[in-house]
Protein backbone atom coordinates (compact mmCIF):
# COMPACT_ATOMS: atom_id res chain seq x y z
CA MET A 1 0.00 0.00 0.00
CA THR A 2 1.16 3.53 -0.79
CA ASP A 3 0.14 6.87 0.67
CA THR A 4 -2.13 8.38 -1.99
CA GLY A 5 -0.73 11.91 -1.58
CA LYS A 6 2.80 10.58 -2.03
CA ARG A 7 1.67 8.59 -5.09
CA LEU A 8 0.22 11.74 -6.65
CA VAL A 9 3.49 13.61 -6.21
CA GLU A 10 5.34 10.65 -7.74
CA GLU A 11 2.98 11.03 -10.70
CA LEU A 12 3.95 14.70 -11.00
CA ASP A 13 7.58 13.57 -11.21
CA GLU A 14 6.61 11.00 -13.85
CA GLN A 15 4.97 13.76 -15.92
CA GLY A 16 8.14 15.86 -15.76
CA VAL A 17 6.54 18.65 -13.72
CA GLU A 18 9.12 21.24 -12.67
CA TYR A 19 6.93 23.65 -10.74
CA VAL A 20 3.70 23.60 -8.79
CA PHE A 21 2.17 27.06 -8.51
CA GLY A 22 -0.17 27.27 -5.59
CA TYR A 23 -1.15 28.15 -2.07
CA PRO A 24 -1.31 25.64 0.80
CA GLY A 25 -4.74 25.02 2.30
CA GLY A 26 -7.33 22.32 2.92
CA ARG A 27 -6.46 18.81 1.78
CA ALA A 28 -4.02 20.24 -0.74
CA ILE A 29 -1.64 20.38 2.22
CA GLU A 30 -1.54 16.58 2.17
CA ILE A 31 -0.04 16.67 -1.33
CA LEU A 32 2.27 19.60 -0.66
CA ASP A 33 3.58 17.71 2.37
CA HIS A 34 5.39 15.40 -0.08
CA VAL A 35 6.70 18.05 -2.50
CA PRO A 36 9.92 18.81 -0.55
CA ASP A 37 11.01 15.19 -1.12
CA ALA A 38 10.32 15.27 -4.87
CA ASP A 39 11.97 16.87 -7.90
CA VAL A 40 9.10 19.35 -8.04
CA GLU A 41 9.56 22.92 -6.85
CA MET A 42 6.77 24.84 -5.14
CA VAL A 43 6.18 28.47 -6.19
CA ARG A 44 3.89 30.14 -3.66
CA PRO A 45 2.74 33.65 -4.51
CA ARG A 46 0.52 35.69 -2.20
CA ASP A 47 -2.82 34.35 -3.42
CA GLU A 48 -4.50 31.86 -5.73
CA ARG A 49 -5.21 34.40 -8.46
CA GLU A 50 -1.52 35.08 -8.96
CA ALA A 51 -0.75 31.35 -8.75
CA SER A 52 -3.35 30.60 -11.43
CA VAL A 53 -1.87 33.17 -13.83
CA MET A 54 1.63 31.82 -13.20
CA ALA A 55 0.49 28.28 -13.99
CA GLU A 56 -1.32 29.46 -17.12
CA MET A 57 1.74 31.34 -18.35
CA HIS A 58 3.98 28.35 -17.70
CA GLY A 59 1.67 26.20 -19.82
CA ARG A 60 1.51 28.84 -22.54
CA LEU A 61 5.29 29.12 -22.78
CA THR A 62 6.25 25.46 -22.55
CA GLY A 63 3.31 23.62 -24.10
CA ASP A 64 3.33 21.38 -21.00
CA PRO A 65 0.59 21.75 -18.41
CA GLY A 66 1.20 24.37 -15.76
CA VAL A 67 0.17 22.90 -12.42
CA LEU A 68 -2.01 24.89 -10.01
CA ALA A 69 -2.70 23.53 -6.51
CA GLY A 70 -4.71 24.81 -3.58
CA GLN A 71 -7.86 24.67 -1.51
CA GLY A 72 -11.11 24.27 -3.42
CA PRO A 73 -13.11 27.39 -2.51
CA TRP A 74 -10.18 29.66 -3.37
CA ILE A 75 -9.01 27.79 -6.48
CA GLY A 76 -12.61 27.98 -7.70
CA SER A 77 -12.87 31.74 -7.05
CA LEU A 78 -9.61 33.68 -6.87
CA GLY A 79 -7.89 31.00 -8.98
CA ALA A 80 -10.53 31.22 -11.70
CA ILE A 81 -8.72 34.08 -13.47
CA GLY A 82 -5.82 31.99 -14.77
CA GLN A 83 -8.10 29.09 -15.62
CA MET A 84 -10.43 31.33 -17.63
CA GLU A 85 -7.47 32.78 -19.50
CA GLY A 86 -6.14 29.27 -20.07
CA LYS A 87 -9.43 28.06 -21.51
CA LEU A 88 -9.82 30.95 -23.94
CA ALA A 89 -6.11 31.30 -24.76
CA SER A 90 -5.57 27.52 -25.18
CA SER A 91 -2.96 27.18 -22.42
CA PRO A 92 -2.54 23.67 -20.96
CA MET A 93 -3.04 23.52 -17.18
CA VAL A 94 -3.67 20.84 -14.56
CA VAL A 95 -5.49 22.02 -11.45
CA ILE A 96 -5.19 19.92 -8.29
CA THR A 97 -7.74 21.02 -5.73
CA GLU A 98 -10.11 19.59 -3.13
CA ALA A 99 -13.66 19.82 -1.87
CA SER A 100 -12.88 20.94 1.71
CA GLU A 101 -15.13 18.17 3.00
CA ARG A 102 -15.17 17.38 6.71
CA GLY A 103 -16.06 13.69 6.70
CA ASP A 104 -19.32 12.98 8.47
CA TYR A 105 -19.76 16.70 9.15
CA SER A 106 -20.04 17.66 5.47
CA THR A 107 -23.84 17.53 5.45
CA LEU A 108 -24.26 19.38 8.77
CA ALA A 109 -24.48 23.13 8.05
CA PRO A 110 -21.15 22.83 6.25
CA TYR A 111 -18.18 25.16 6.57
CA GLN A 112 -16.17 25.66 3.34
CA GLN A 113 -17.49 22.34 1.96
CA ALA A 114 -17.48 22.44 -1.81
CA ARG A 115 -18.79 19.06 -2.96
CA GLY A 116 -22.10 20.51 -4.12
CA ASP A 117 -24.18 19.09 -1.27
CA TYR A 118 -27.02 21.11 0.27
CA GLY A 119 -25.76 24.18 2.10
CA GLY A 120 -22.27 24.03 0.63
CA LEU A 121 -20.51 25.29 -2.46
CA ASP A 122 -20.64 23.50 -5.81
CA LEU A 123 -17.00 23.43 -6.92
CA PRO A 124 -17.56 20.84 -9.70
CA SER A 125 -20.08 23.16 -11.37
CA ALA A 126 -17.71 26.10 -11.04
CA LEU A 127 -14.89 24.14 -12.67
CA ASP A 128 -17.24 23.04 -15.45
CA ALA A 129 -17.34 26.68 -16.55
CA TYR A 130 -13.62 27.11 -17.20
CA THR A 131 -11.96 23.72 -17.59
CA LYS A 132 -11.96 21.35 -20.54
CA GLU A 133 -12.60 18.42 -18.24
CA ASN A 134 -12.59 17.79 -14.49
CA TRP A 135 -12.74 14.68 -12.34
CA PHE A 136 -14.16 14.02 -8.85
CA PRO A 137 -12.66 10.60 -8.04
CA ARG A 138 -14.12 8.32 -5.35
CA SER A 139 -11.20 5.98 -4.60
CA PRO A 140 -7.39 6.23 -4.41
CA THR A 141 -7.10 4.29 -7.69
CA GLU A 142 -9.49 6.70 -9.41
CA THR A 143 -7.59 9.63 -7.91
CA VAL A 144 -4.26 8.63 -9.46
CA ARG A 145 -5.84 7.67 -12.77
CA SER A 146 -7.75 10.96 -12.83
CA LEU A 147 -4.51 12.92 -12.42
CA GLN A 148 -3.05 11.03 -15.39
CA LEU A 149 -6.14 11.78 -17.47
CA ALA A 150 -5.97 15.43 -16.46
CA PHE A 151 -2.47 15.65 -17.96
CA LYS A 152 -3.59 13.81 -21.09
CA HIS A 153 -6.66 15.95 -21.73
CA ALA A 154 -4.84 19.22 -21.01
CA THR A 155 -2.72 18.77 -24.14
CA ALA A 156 -5.05 16.66 -26.32
CA GLY A 157 -6.36 18.60 -29.31
CA ARG A 158 -6.82 22.24 -28.42
CA PRO A 159 -4.93 22.71 -25.13
CA GLY A 160 -6.62 24.02 -22.00
CA PRO A 161 -7.14 23.60 -18.25
CA THR A 162 -8.25 20.37 -16.59
CA ALA A 163 -8.83 19.66 -12.91
CA ILE A 164 -9.14 16.94 -10.30
CA ILE A 165 -11.01 17.42 -7.03
CA LEU A 166 -9.66 15.48 -4.04
CA ASP A 167 -12.23 14.30 -1.54
CA GLY A 168 -12.48 12.15 1.57
CA ASP A 169 -11.47 8.50 1.43
CA ALA A 170 -10.49 8.82 -2.23
CA PHE A 171 -7.49 10.73 -0.98
CA THR A 172 -6.94 9.68 2.62
CA GLU A 173 -7.03 5.91 2.09
CA GLU A 174 -3.87 4.22 0.88
CA MET A 175 -3.33 3.26 -2.74
CA PRO A 176 -3.22 -0.50 -3.40
CA ASP A 177 0.01 -1.75 -4.95
CA ASP A 178 -1.80 -3.84 -7.59
CA PRO A 179 -5.22 -2.27 -8.07
CA ILE A 180 -7.90 -3.71 -10.32
CA PRO A 181 -8.57 -2.12 -12.71
CA PRO A 182 -4.88 -1.25 -12.98
CA VAL A 183 -3.28 2.17 -13.10
CA TRP A 184 -0.89 2.16 -16.03
CA ASP A 185 2.53 3.74 -16.28
CA GLY A 186 2.05 7.51 -16.29
CA HIS A 187 4.16 8.14 -19.39
CA ASP A 188 2.30 5.51 -21.42
CA GLN A 189 -1.14 6.60 -20.21
CA VAL A 190 -0.64 10.28 -20.98
CA GLN A 191 0.68 10.01 -24.55
CA ASN A 192 -1.09 12.06 -27.20
CA TRP A 193 -0.78 11.93 -30.96
CA ASP A 194 -0.84 14.99 -33.23
CA SER A 195 -3.35 15.20 -36.04
CA ARG A 196 -2.70 16.52 -39.53
CA PRO A 197 -4.97 17.65 -42.36
CA ALA A 198 -6.37 15.45 -45.12
CA HIS A 199 -4.28 15.30 -48.30
CA LYS A 200 -7.12 16.51 -50.53
CA ASP A 201 -7.62 19.60 -48.36
CA VAL A 202 -3.90 20.35 -48.49
CA GLN A 203 -3.97 20.13 -52.28
CA THR A 204 -6.97 22.48 -52.49
CA ALA A 205 -5.15 24.97 -50.29
CA ILE A 206 -1.96 24.62 -52.36
CA THR A 207 -3.83 25.43 -55.54
CA ALA A 208 -5.38 28.54 -54.02
CA LEU A 209 -2.10 29.83 -52.59
CA SER A 210 -0.15 29.09 -55.78
CA GLU A 211 -2.62 31.03 -57.92
CA ALA A 212 -2.98 33.95 -55.52
CA ASP A 213 -1.92 37.44 -56.55
CA ARG A 214 -2.27 38.91 -53.06
CA PRO A 215 -1.96 36.12 -50.46
CA VAL A 216 -2.16 37.13 -46.79
CA ILE A 217 -1.67 35.03 -43.66
CA ILE A 218 -3.48 35.73 -40.39
CA SER A 219 -1.43 34.04 -37.68
CA GLY A 220 -3.09 33.38 -34.33
CA ASN A 221 -2.28 32.02 -30.92
CA GLY A 222 -2.41 28.47 -32.28
CA VAL A 223 1.00 29.09 -33.86
CA HIS A 224 2.36 29.90 -30.40
CA ALA A 225 0.68 26.79 -28.98
CA ALA A 226 2.12 24.52 -31.70
CA ASP A 227 5.56 26.17 -31.66
CA ALA A 228 5.09 26.46 -35.42
CA TYR A 229 7.20 29.58 -35.92
CA ASP A 230 9.66 28.10 -38.40
CA GLN A 231 6.92 26.44 -40.42
CA LEU A 232 4.98 29.71 -40.64
CA GLU A 233 8.02 31.58 -41.90
CA THR A 234 8.73 28.85 -44.47
CA VAL A 235 5.20 29.03 -45.91
CA ALA A 236 5.17 32.83 -45.91
CA GLU A 237 8.45 33.03 -47.81
CA ALA A 238 7.52 30.22 -50.22
CA THR A 239 4.24 31.92 -51.18
CA ASP A 240 5.29 35.56 -50.83
CA ALA A 241 2.43 36.01 -48.40
CA VAL A 242 2.15 39.09 -46.22
CA VAL A 243 1.84 38.01 -42.58
CA THR A 244 -0.52 39.66 -40.13
CA THR A 245 -1.34 38.42 -36.64
CA SER A 246 -4.22 38.49 -34.20
CA TYR A 247 -3.81 40.14 -30.79
CA LEU A 248 -2.88 36.80 -29.20
CA GLY A 249 -0.80 35.89 -32.24
CA LYS A 250 1.58 38.86 -31.89
CA SER A 251 5.20 37.61 -32.02
CA THR A 252 4.30 34.39 -33.85
CA PHE A 253 6.19 36.05 -36.72
CA PRO A 254 9.02 38.59 -36.33
CA GLU A 255 7.48 42.00 -36.94
CA THR A 256 10.79 43.18 -38.36
CA HIS A 257 10.59 40.57 -41.16
CA ASP A 258 10.12 42.10 -44.61
CA LEU A 259 6.81 40.20 -45.03
CA ALA A 260 5.34 41.30 -41.68
CA ALA A 261 2.45 43.76 -41.67
CA GLY A 262 1.49 43.90 -37.99
CA VAL A 263 -1.56 43.19 -35.86
CA ILE A 264 -5.13 43.20 -37.19
CA GLY A 265 -8.26 44.21 -35.31
CA SER A 266 -10.24 47.10 -33.97
CA PHE A 267 -7.24 48.64 -32.21
CA GLY A 268 -4.57 47.00 -34.34
CA HIS A 269 -2.48 48.43 -37.16
CA GLU A 270 -4.32 50.25 -39.91
CA GLY A 271 -1.74 48.92 -42.37
CA ALA A 272 -2.35 45.29 -41.35
CA ASN A 273 -6.13 45.72 -41.52
CA GLN A 274 -5.91 47.21 -45.02
CA VAL A 275 -3.67 44.35 -46.19
CA VAL A 276 -6.24 41.76 -45.08
CA SER A 277 -8.99 43.67 -46.87
CA GLU A 278 -6.94 43.72 -50.09
CA ALA A 279 -6.11 39.98 -50.08
CA ASP A 280 -7.49 37.63 -52.69
CA VAL A 281 -6.51 34.56 -50.62
CA LEU A 282 -6.47 34.45 -46.81
CA LEU A 283 -4.68 31.68 -44.91
CA VAL A 284 -5.91 31.81 -41.30
CA VAL A 285 -3.73 29.71 -38.97
CA GLY A 286 -4.69 28.97 -35.37
CA CYS A 287 -7.02 31.93 -34.98
CA ARG A 288 -10.70 31.72 -34.06
CA MET A 289 -11.33 35.24 -35.45
CA ASN A 290 -13.02 36.84 -32.46
CA PRO A 291 -14.86 40.17 -32.82
CA MET A 292 -11.82 42.26 -31.92
CA ASP A 293 -9.81 40.46 -34.62
CA THR A 294 -12.51 41.01 -37.24
CA ASN A 295 -13.20 44.68 -36.53
CA TRP A 296 -16.55 43.56 -35.17
CA GLN A 297 -17.51 42.01 -38.50
CA SER A 298 -16.98 45.12 -40.57
CA PRO A 299 -18.47 44.19 -43.95
CA GLU A 300 -15.53 45.73 -45.82
CA PHE A 301 -12.80 43.98 -43.81
CA ILE A 302 -13.16 40.31 -44.75
CA ARG A 303 -15.52 39.36 -47.58
CA PRO A 304 -16.01 35.60 -48.00
CA ASP A 305 -17.91 36.10 -51.28
CA GLU A 306 -14.86 37.81 -52.83
CA GLN A 307 -11.90 36.24 -51.02
CA THR A 308 -10.75 32.62 -50.80
CA ILE A 309 -10.44 31.61 -47.15
CA ILE A 310 -8.24 28.72 -46.01
CA HIS A 311 -8.68 28.06 -42.29
CA ALA A 312 -6.15 25.89 -40.45
CA ASP A 313 -7.08 24.93 -36.90
CA ILE A 314 -6.64 22.08 -34.43
CA ASP A 315 -10.42 22.05 -33.81
CA THR A 316 -12.78 21.50 -36.72
CA ARG A 317 -15.42 23.57 -34.91
CA ASN A 318 -13.25 26.67 -35.20
CA ALA A 319 -12.60 26.39 -38.93
CA GLY A 320 -15.26 28.39 -40.73
CA TRP A 321 -16.85 29.36 -37.43
CA VAL A 322 -16.95 33.13 -38.03
CA TYR A 323 -16.47 33.33 -41.80
CA PRO A 324 -17.36 30.49 -44.20
CA ALA A 325 -14.12 28.75 -45.25
CA ASP A 326 -13.43 27.46 -48.74
CA VAL A 327 -11.20 24.74 -47.30
CA ALA A 328 -10.15 23.75 -43.79
CA LEU A 329 -6.86 22.21 -42.69
CA ILE A 330 -7.72 20.36 -39.48
CA GLY A 331 -4.71 19.42 -37.41
CA ASP A 332 -1.75 20.67 -35.47
CA ALA A 333 -0.62 24.01 -36.94
CA ALA A 334 2.97 22.84 -37.36
CA HIS A 335 1.86 19.79 -39.37
CA SER A 336 -0.58 21.80 -41.48
CA LEU A 337 2.10 24.33 -42.37
CA ASP A 338 4.67 21.58 -42.97
CA ASP A 339 2.30 19.88 -45.42
CA LEU A 340 1.75 23.15 -47.27
CA ALA A 341 5.48 23.87 -47.48
CA ALA A 342 6.27 20.38 -48.74
CA ASN A 343 3.81 20.62 -51.63
CA LEU A 344 4.08 24.23 -52.81
CA PRO A 345 5.43 24.60 -56.33
CA GLU A 346 8.58 26.65 -56.81
CA SER A 347 6.63 29.03 -59.04
CA ALA A 348 4.49 30.29 -56.14
CA GLY A 349 5.08 33.99 -55.51
CA ASN A 350 4.05 37.49 -56.55
CA ASP A 351 5.33 41.02 -57.07
CA TRP A 352 3.00 42.54 -54.48
CA ALA A 353 3.93 41.28 -51.02
CA HIS A 354 7.24 42.91 -50.10
CA ASP A 355 6.31 46.45 -51.09
CA ARG A 356 2.88 46.08 -49.50
CA ALA A 357 4.32 44.80 -46.21
CA ALA A 358 6.86 47.62 -46.14
CA ALA A 359 4.07 50.16 -46.50
CA ALA A 360 2.03 48.46 -43.79
CA GLN A 361 4.94 48.58 -41.36
CA GLU A 362 4.68 52.37 -41.33
CA SER A 363 1.83 51.83 -38.84
CA PHE A 364 4.40 50.90 -36.18
CA TYR A 365 5.36 54.57 -36.03
CA ALA A 366 3.61 57.85 -35.16
CA PRO A 367 5.13 61.31 -34.66
CA ARG A 368 4.44 61.11 -30.92
CA CYS A 369 6.89 58.20 -30.74
CA GLU A 370 9.59 60.89 -30.79
CA SER A 371 7.90 63.34 -28.41
CA ASP A 372 10.05 64.61 -25.54
CA ALA A 373 7.00 65.82 -23.63
CA SER A 374 6.50 65.29 -19.91
CA PRO A 375 4.36 63.54 -18.74
CA ILE A 376 5.54 60.94 -21.23
CA LYS A 377 3.47 60.18 -24.31
CA PRO A 378 2.50 56.48 -24.20
CA GLN A 379 3.71 56.09 -27.80
CA ARG A 380 7.17 57.29 -26.76
CA ALA A 381 7.12 55.08 -23.66
CA VAL A 382 6.57 52.01 -25.85
CA LYS A 383 9.42 52.97 -28.17
CA GLU A 384 11.71 53.25 -25.14
CA ILE A 385 10.63 49.74 -24.12
CA GLU A 386 11.21 48.51 -27.68
CA ALA A 387 14.79 49.78 -27.50
CA VAL A 388 15.68 47.24 -24.78
CA VAL A 389 13.76 44.27 -26.25
CA ASP A 390 15.81 41.69 -28.16
CA SER A 391 15.26 38.07 -29.20
CA GLU A 392 16.01 36.88 -25.64
CA THR A 393 13.41 39.17 -24.04
CA ILE A 394 9.78 38.39 -23.22
CA VAL A 395 7.23 41.18 -22.84
CA THR A 396 3.98 40.49 -20.98
CA ALA A 397 1.11 42.91 -21.57
CA ASP A 398 -1.87 43.58 -19.33
CA SER A 399 -5.39 44.59 -20.33
CA GLY A 400 -6.46 48.15 -20.98
CA ASN A 401 -4.91 51.00 -22.93
CA ASN A 402 -1.38 49.79 -22.21
CA ARG A 403 -1.94 46.65 -24.28
CA PHE A 404 -3.09 48.58 -27.34
CA TRP A 405 -0.19 51.03 -27.20
CA LEU A 406 2.12 48.00 -27.07
CA LEU A 407 0.36 46.16 -29.89
CA ASN A 408 0.83 49.13 -32.18
CA TYR A 409 4.23 50.55 -31.34
CA LEU A 410 6.28 47.61 -30.02
CA GLN A 411 7.73 46.00 -33.15
CA THR A 412 8.75 42.57 -31.91
CA PRO A 413 12.18 41.46 -33.17
CA ASP A 414 11.60 37.71 -32.93
CA THR A 415 9.07 35.00 -32.23
CA GLY A 416 7.94 34.29 -28.69
CA THR A 417 8.87 37.76 -27.44
CA TYR A 418 5.39 39.10 -26.62
CA TYR A 419 2.42 37.57 -24.78
CA GLY A 420 -0.75 39.32 -23.71
CA SER A 421 -3.85 38.82 -21.64
CA GLY A 422 -6.29 38.29 -24.47
CA GLY A 423 -8.18 35.08 -23.79
CA VAL A 424 -10.52 36.40 -21.13
CA GLY A 425 -8.45 39.59 -20.98
CA ALA A 426 -8.25 40.06 -17.21
CA MET A 427 -6.48 43.01 -15.67
CA GLY A 428 -3.66 42.04 -13.32
CA TRP A 429 -2.34 39.31 -15.62
CA ALA A 430 0.96 40.80 -16.81
CA THR A 431 2.77 40.99 -13.46
CA PRO A 432 2.40 37.35 -12.27
CA ALA A 433 2.78 36.20 -15.89
CA ALA A 434 6.14 37.96 -16.02
CA VAL A 435 7.30 36.27 -12.82
CA SER A 436 6.29 32.90 -14.23
CA ALA A 437 8.06 33.63 -17.52
CA ALA A 438 11.25 34.55 -15.70
CA ILE A 439 11.13 31.39 -13.57
CA THR A 440 10.26 29.18 -16.53
CA THR A 441 12.69 30.50 -19.14
CA GLY A 442 15.46 32.38 -17.35
CA LYS A 443 15.13 35.14 -19.97
CA ASP A 444 14.90 38.88 -19.47
CA VAL A 445 11.23 39.70 -18.90
CA ILE A 446 9.44 43.05 -19.01
CA ALA A 447 5.90 43.33 -17.68
CA VAL A 448 3.81 46.28 -18.82
CA ALA A 449 0.60 47.25 -17.05
CA GLY A 450 -1.44 50.29 -16.16
CA ASP A 451 -1.53 51.40 -12.55
CA GLY A 452 -4.93 49.72 -12.13
CA GLY A 453 -3.79 46.31 -13.34
CA PHE A 454 -0.42 46.49 -11.60
CA THR A 455 -2.01 47.24 -8.23
CA MET A 456 -4.25 44.16 -8.50
CA THR A 457 -1.32 41.73 -8.43
CA MET A 458 1.72 43.75 -7.38
CA THR A 459 2.48 41.28 -4.58
CA SER A 460 3.88 39.13 -7.40
CA VAL A 461 6.92 41.42 -7.19
CA GLU A 462 7.64 39.83 -3.81
CA THR A 463 7.27 36.37 -5.36
CA ALA A 464 9.95 37.32 -7.89
CA VAL A 465 12.22 38.41 -5.03
CA GLU A 466 11.63 35.15 -3.16
CA ASN A 467 12.36 33.04 -6.24
CA GLY A 468 15.51 34.89 -7.26
CA VAL A 469 14.29 36.22 -10.62
CA ALA A 470 14.49 39.81 -11.79
CA PRO A 471 11.76 40.94 -14.18
CA THR A 472 11.36 44.62 -14.96
CA PHE A 473 7.86 45.91 -14.17
CA VAL A 474 6.78 48.97 -16.17
CA VAL A 475 3.73 50.76 -14.76
CA LEU A 476 2.15 53.13 -17.29
CA ASN A 477 0.61 55.34 -14.63
CA ASP A 478 -2.24 57.74 -15.35
CA THR A 479 -3.78 57.37 -11.85
CA SER A 480 -6.98 56.02 -13.34
CA LEU A 481 -8.72 53.23 -15.20
CA GLY A 482 -7.55 54.93 -18.38
CA MET A 483 -9.55 53.06 -20.99
CA VAL A 484 -12.80 53.39 -19.06
CA ARG A 485 -12.11 57.02 -18.10
CA GLN A 486 -11.63 57.89 -21.75
CA MET A 487 -15.11 56.55 -22.53
CA GLN A 488 -16.58 59.47 -20.58
CA HIS A 489 -18.29 62.25 -22.49
CA GLU A 490 -17.19 64.61 -19.74
CA ALA A 491 -15.33 64.28 -16.43
CA GLY A 492 -17.36 62.45 -13.79
CA ASP A 493 -19.65 60.64 -16.25
CA ILE A 494 -18.58 57.19 -15.03
CA ALA A 495 -18.13 56.38 -11.34
CA GLY A 496 -15.02 54.69 -10.01
CA VAL A 497 -12.43 55.54 -12.67
CA GLU A 498 -10.01 57.69 -10.66
CA PHE A 499 -7.32 56.27 -8.34
CA HIS A 500 -5.33 57.54 -5.41
CA ASP A 501 -1.77 58.35 -6.50
CA THR A 502 0.01 55.30 -5.09
CA ASP A 503 3.74 55.48 -4.36
CA PHE A 504 4.78 52.38 -6.30
CA VAL A 505 8.46 53.06 -5.57
CA LYS A 506 7.94 52.65 -1.83
CA ALA A 507 5.66 49.65 -2.36
CA ALA A 508 8.24 47.91 -4.54
CA GLU A 509 11.04 48.60 -2.09
CA ALA A 510 8.90 47.15 0.71
CA PHE A 511 8.74 43.90 -1.30
CA GLY A 512 12.53 43.82 -1.62
CA ALA A 513 12.72 45.14 -5.19
CA ASP A 514 14.45 48.19 -6.57
CA ALA A 515 12.34 50.95 -8.09
CA THR A 516 12.30 54.42 -9.59
CA ARG A 517 9.91 56.96 -11.06
CA ALA A 518 10.24 58.30 -14.63
CA VAL A 519 8.54 61.51 -15.76
CA THR A 520 10.59 62.21 -18.91
CA PRO A 521 11.61 59.99 -21.82
CA ALA A 522 15.27 60.33 -20.83
CA GLU A 523 14.50 59.14 -17.30
CA LEU A 524 12.52 56.19 -18.67
CA SER A 525 15.36 55.22 -21.01
CA ALA A 526 17.84 55.25 -18.13
CA ALA A 527 15.46 53.35 -15.86
CA LEU A 528 14.91 50.61 -18.46
CA GLU A 529 18.67 50.17 -18.92
CA GLU A 530 19.07 49.93 -15.15
CA GLY A 531 16.10 47.62 -14.68
CA THR A 532 16.97 45.14 -17.41
CA SER A 533 20.53 44.80 -16.10
CA ALA A 534 19.54 44.52 -12.42
CA ASP A 535 19.82 41.27 -10.50
CA VAL A 536 16.67 41.97 -8.47
CA PRO A 537 13.16 42.85 -9.64
CA PHE A 538 12.86 46.46 -10.77
CA VAL A 539 9.67 48.56 -10.83
CA ILE A 540 9.43 51.69 -12.99
CA ASP A 541 6.57 54.08 -12.21
CA VAL A 542 6.14 55.82 -15.58
CA ARG A 543 4.04 58.97 -15.52
CA ILE A 544 2.23 59.05 -18.86
CA ASP A 545 0.05 61.70 -20.47
CA ARG A 546 -3.44 60.72 -19.30
CA ASP A 547 -5.03 62.89 -22.00
CA GLU A 548 -3.59 60.90 -24.91
CA GLU A 549 -6.75 59.31 -26.32
CA MET A 550 -6.18 55.63 -27.16
CA VAL A 551 -9.40 55.08 -29.11
CA GLU A 552 -9.09 58.21 -31.20
CA SER A 553 -5.44 57.43 -31.93
CA LEU A 554 -5.65 53.72 -32.66
CA GLN A 555 -9.13 52.63 -33.76
CA SER A 556 -9.10 51.20 -37.24
CA SER A 557 -11.07 52.70 -40.09
CA PHE A 558 -13.04 49.44 -40.36
CA TYR A 559 -13.93 49.51 -36.67
CA LYS A 560 -14.99 53.14 -36.88
CA GLU A 561 -17.17 52.20 -39.84
CA VAL A 562 -19.28 49.84 -37.70
CA GLY A 563 -19.85 52.36 -34.94
CA GLY A 564 -16.85 52.35 -32.63
CA LEU A 565 -16.40 51.11 -29.10
CA HIS A 566 -18.01 47.75 -28.34
CA GLU A 567 -15.83 46.88 -25.30
C-alpha cells in the first residue's frame, strides 16, 4: 500500500513537472507535504489568483501543463482568473484542488465544503465553466488515474485547463500496490498523438495559394501553442504572403521581417487591416477570429464572397466558425504548415507582397513616438521599451490602454517575445505572468501594465524576489482606469475611474525590489537600462500623459465604420 498523496506527487515527477504554482490550504496540504522530497519545486505567490496566472503562463510558454494547486473554494474563485485565460487562450493547465469536505460533518451546516451538497458550495459546477474536463474521483485508484487523465486531456487537441477534485477516502485511504482495474505507467497513459490535415484539403489549399496574386496570412495564438514559428516563416516566404497576426498571435512572426504587416483588429495596425482587406486569398492559422480580430464584422474587412479563405485549426469547430471557409486544414498548426510547405510549387510567388508589407509597417510609427513631452506620451514610452527588447526578451502585456499602445508601437524582433492577456483579458495578468516567464525561461522579462492592473497583483513582485528572478515591471501610470475614463463624455460621467496616486516606488522597495519613477523619456530610457541589467526585480513608475486618447489614436477605419467602441 502507498500513501495516496505521495503517489500523486510521484505522478507529478513521472509527468516531468518542474513547478507547482499554488497556495497551501485544505487537503491540498496533504499533497504539498510530499513536495519537498520530490523533484518538483513549489512556487507560492501571495494568493491563488496570482498562482493561477503563473500556472497558465507556464503552460503557454512550454506547451506542457502548468500545475495549479490549492484549496477548493479559493481555487474555484480567486484562482478562476488563470483558468479562464487558459481556456480561452488555449494554455494547458492541470489544477489539483479539493472539496474541503469534513467527513461525516459535510452535510451538517457545512463550513467551506465544496462538494455541491445542500448548504455548501458547488465546486464541480464552477470548474465546469472554465476547464476542458474535471474529475471528482471516489477511490485512491481513481484519484491517481484521474490525475493522469488530467495531464492527457490538457494537451489533447486544443490545449486548455483540466482539474481533479480530491475528496475524503479517495485521498486519505492508501493506494493498493496492484489495483484492479490497474493504473498504467504515467508516461504511457498520458501520450497524445498529433493530427494533420487530409491530403485533398492540403492540395486544395496549395492550388489557391499558388494562384494567388495577393496572399495574406493571419497568424493566431495556435502558432504559439504549436511552436510552429519556423513552419509559418517557411510558408510565408515560399508563397510571398504578407503576414498579419491576431492580438494573441503577436510575435508568432518577427514583426521586423520584410513580409510582416502587424496586428489586425479594432485597435490593431491600420496597415495590417488594409492588407487583409486587399487579399485575394487568406490563410488563417490557429485563430478563431473573435470580434476584436474582425473589426466587429466590418463588412468591408473580410468578404467571404470575394476572397478565398483557407482556415487551419486544431479544432474543426473553429474552422469556418466566423467566416465560411473554402477549405479547412484540421490538425496541429505545425503539421498543417509543414504539409503546405512540402507541396508548394517553386513558381508560387508574386510582385506585391514585399512592397505592401513595407508600406504596412509604417503603422508601427507615429510622430508622438519621438515626443520629448512630460508627462511621457504612451507612444514614446513604448518605443523606449522597444529599444531594450531583443530576441532573448519576453514582454507580458496587461489589459487596458497599455496593451493597445504595445500592440501598435512595439515592433517585436523575434518570435515568442510578446504575450498578452487576451483570452478572457483580465487586468492584473501581466505581473504574475512575467514572474512565471522569468522562472520558466530564465530570460529577461518586461511586464507592462497600467496602474490599475499592476495594483491588483503587485504582490507578485515579492514572489519574484523570493524566487531569485528579476523581471522589470513597467507601470504606465495615469492614476486612473484609463480606458474606461476615456469613454466618458465629460469628467465624472462614469463612477469609479479615478485612483489615489500610489507610491509604487515605496511599495516595490517594501517587497525587496528596486524601483524608480520616470517623468521624462530620458529618465525612462535610463530606468529601463538599469532595470533590465539589475539582478533583483525592478519597478518603474512611468508617468504618462493621461489625456492621450487611445481610441481616437488607434481605432481602425473598419472599426470606426461599424460604430466604434463595443468593449
